[in-house]
Amino acid sequence: MQFTFDIGGKTRNVFAGIKAACSPKALVGKHTVMVANLKPRTMKLGMSAGMALAADPDDAALWFPELQDSAEPGMPMM
């Protein structure tokens, strides 16, 4: 699955093999967390420049942490 993250004036593509556990439509417009300080790497579908942060509590469905609506794209996590 391809994610396109807005990281504050720029976008980054991230590829993840989570299609079976997640609906892409459920994530559109959400404020979630991306790990952006990873070295980009070539995957089957293209260049991936980060990692989507998610938890898998029961091996059936992923949980993506959601930030408050006041969060801005590109804000650093502390």
C-alpha atoms as a PDB file:
ATOM      1  CA  MET A   1       0.000   0.000   0.000  1.00  0.00           C
ATOM      2  CA  GLN A   2       1.275   3.487  -0.814  1.00  0.00           C
ATOM      3  CA  PHE A   3       0.889   6.335   1.656  1.00  0.00           C
ATOM      4  CA  THR A   4       1.569   9.951   0.741  1.00  0.00           C
ATOM      5  CA  PHE A   5       2.332  11.986   3.847  1.00  0.00           C
ATOM      6  CA  ASP A   6       2.219  15.775   4.045  1.00  0.00           C
ATOM      7  CA  ILE A   7       5.206  16.673   6.199  1.00  0.00           C
ATOM      8  CA  GLY A   8       4.778  20.424   6.230  1.00  0.00           C
ATOM      9  CA  GLY A   9       5.060  21.828   2.721  1.00  0.00           C
ATOM     10  CA  LYS A  10       6.562  18.625   1.282  1.00  0.00           C
ATOM     11  CA  THR A  11       5.196  15.165   0.663  1.00  0.00           C
ATOM     12  CA  ARG A  12       6.812  11.775   1.156  1.00  0.00           C
ATOM     13  CA  ASN A  13       5.770   8.413  -0.226  1.00  0.00           C
ATOM     14  CA  VAL A  14       5.867   5.422   2.073  1.00  0.00           C
ATOM     15  CA  PHE A  15       5.159   1.848   0.997  1.00  0.00           C
ATOM     16  CA  ALA A  16       3.950  -0.743   3.513  1.00  0.00           C
ATOM     17  CA  GLY A  17       2.726  -4.324   3.164  1.00  0.00           C
ATOM     18  CA  ILE A  18      -0.412  -3.816   5.243  1.00  0.00           C
ATOM     19  CA  LYS A  19      -3.195  -3.954   2.641  1.00  0.00           C
ATOM     20  CA  ALA A  20      -4.822  -7.019   4.225  1.00  0.00           C
ATOM     21  CA  ALA A  21      -5.084  -5.349   7.638  1.00  0.00           C
ATOM     22  CA  CYS A  22      -6.043  -1.801   6.731  1.00  0.00           C
ATOM     23  CA  SER A  23      -8.452   0.112   4.518  1.00  0.00           C
ATOM     24  CA  PRO A  24      -6.733   3.023   2.743  1.00  0.00           C
ATOM     25  CA  LYS A  25      -9.982   5.033   2.748  1.00  0.00           C
ATOM     26  CA  ALA A  26     -10.029   4.920   6.555  1.00  0.00           C
ATOM     27  CA  LEU A  27      -6.779   6.899   6.695  1.00  0.00           C
ATOM     28  CA  VAL A  28      -7.469   9.711   4.231  1.00  0.00           C
ATOM     29  CA  GLY A  29      -7.313  13.073   5.980  1.00  0.00           C
ATOM     30  CA  LYS A  30      -6.150  11.648   9.325  1.00  0.00           C
ATOM     31  CA  HIS A  31      -3.393  13.233  11.409  1.00  0.00           C
ATOM     32  CA  THR A  32      -1.145  10.276  12.136  1.00  0.00           C
ATOM     33  CA  VAL A  33       2.557   9.659  12.745  1.00  0.00           C
ATOM     34  CA  MET A  34       5.299   9.038  10.188  1.00  0.00           C
ATOM     35  CA  VAL A  35       8.919   8.220  10.972  1.00  0.00           C
ATOM     36  CA  ALA A  36      10.733  10.531   8.550  1.00  0.00           C
ATOM     37  CA  ASN A  37      14.376  10.219   9.593  1.00  0.00           C
ATOM     38  CA  LEU A  38      14.974   6.888   7.852  1.00  0.00           C
ATOM     39  CA  LYS A  39      17.156   6.454   4.797  1.00  0.00           C
ATOM     40  CA  PRO A  40      14.945   6.118   1.674  1.00  0.00           C
ATOM     41  CA  ARG A  41      14.947   2.625   0.190  1.00  0.00           C
ATOM     42  CA  THR A  42      13.736   1.014  -2.997  1.00  0.00           C
ATOM     43  CA  MET A  43      10.781  -1.318  -2.555  1.00  0.00           C
ATOM     44  CA  LYS A  44       8.898  -3.413  -5.146  1.00  0.00           C
ATOM     45  CA  LEU A  45       6.524  -0.558  -5.942  1.00  0.00           C
ATOM     46  CA  GLY A  46       8.946   2.373  -5.718  1.00  0.00           C
ATOM     47  CA  MET A  47      11.021   4.501  -3.361  1.00  0.00           C
ATOM     48  CA  SER A  48       9.861   4.526   0.264  1.00  0.00           C
ATOM     49  CA  ALA A  49      11.027   7.545   2.274  1.00  0.00           C
ATOM     50  CA  GLY A  50       9.777   6.787   5.785  1.00  0.00           C
ATOM     51  CA  MET A  51       7.604   4.500   7.854  1.00  0.00           C
ATOM     52  CA  ALA A  52       3.995   4.747   9.007  1.00  0.00           C
ATOM     53  CA  LEU A  53       3.682   4.202  12.754  1.00  0.00           C
ATOM     54  CA  ALA A  54       1.054   1.605  13.649  1.00  0.00           C
ATOM     55  CA  ALA A  55       0.278  -1.047  16.253  1.00  0.00           C
ATOM     56  CA  ASP A  56      -1.109  -4.537  15.671  1.00  0.00           C
ATOM     57  CA  PRO A  57      -2.869  -5.499  18.907  1.00  0.00           C
ATOM     58  CA  ASP A  58      -4.483  -8.733  17.755  1.00  0.00           C
ATOM     59  CA  ASP A  59      -2.926  -9.702  14.403  1.00  0.00           C
ATOM     60  CA  ALA A  60      -6.195  -8.759  12.700  1.00  0.00           C
ATOM     61  CA  ALA A  61      -6.418  -5.004  12.387  1.00  0.00           C
ATOM     62  CA  LEU A  62      -3.914  -2.195  12.570  1.00  0.00           C
ATOM     63  CA  TRP A  63      -4.287   0.781  14.855  1.00  0.00           C
ATOM     64  CA  PHE A  64      -2.788   4.090  13.726  1.00  0.00           C
ATOM     65  CA  PRO A  65      -2.251   6.696  16.444  1.00  0.00           C
ATOM     66  CA  GLU A  66      -4.251   9.831  15.639  1.00  0.00           C
ATOM     67  CA  LEU A  67      -3.161  13.287  16.693  1.00  0.00           C
ATOM     68  CA  GLN A  68      -5.466  16.106  17.717  1.00  0.00           C
ATOM     69  CA  ASP A  69      -7.037  18.212  14.992  1.00  0.00           C
ATOM     70  CA  SER A  70      -4.812  21.119  16.047  1.00  0.00           C
ATOM     71  CA  ALA A  71      -1.687  19.155  14.985  1.00  0.00           C
ATOM     72  CA  GLU A  72       0.057  20.606  11.931  1.00  0.00           C
ATOM     73  CA  PRO A  73       1.727  18.521   9.173  1.00  0.00           C
ATOM     74  CA  GLY A  74       5.449  18.251   9.775  1.00  0.00           C
ATOM     75  CA  MET A  75       5.338  18.867  13.533  1.00  0.00           C
ATOM     76  CA  PRO A  76       8.191  17.042  15.279  1.00  0.00           C
ATOM     77  CA  MET A  77       7.323  14.432  17.907  1.00  0.00           C
ATOM     78  CA  MET A  78       8.983  14.930  21.269  1.00  0.00           C
END
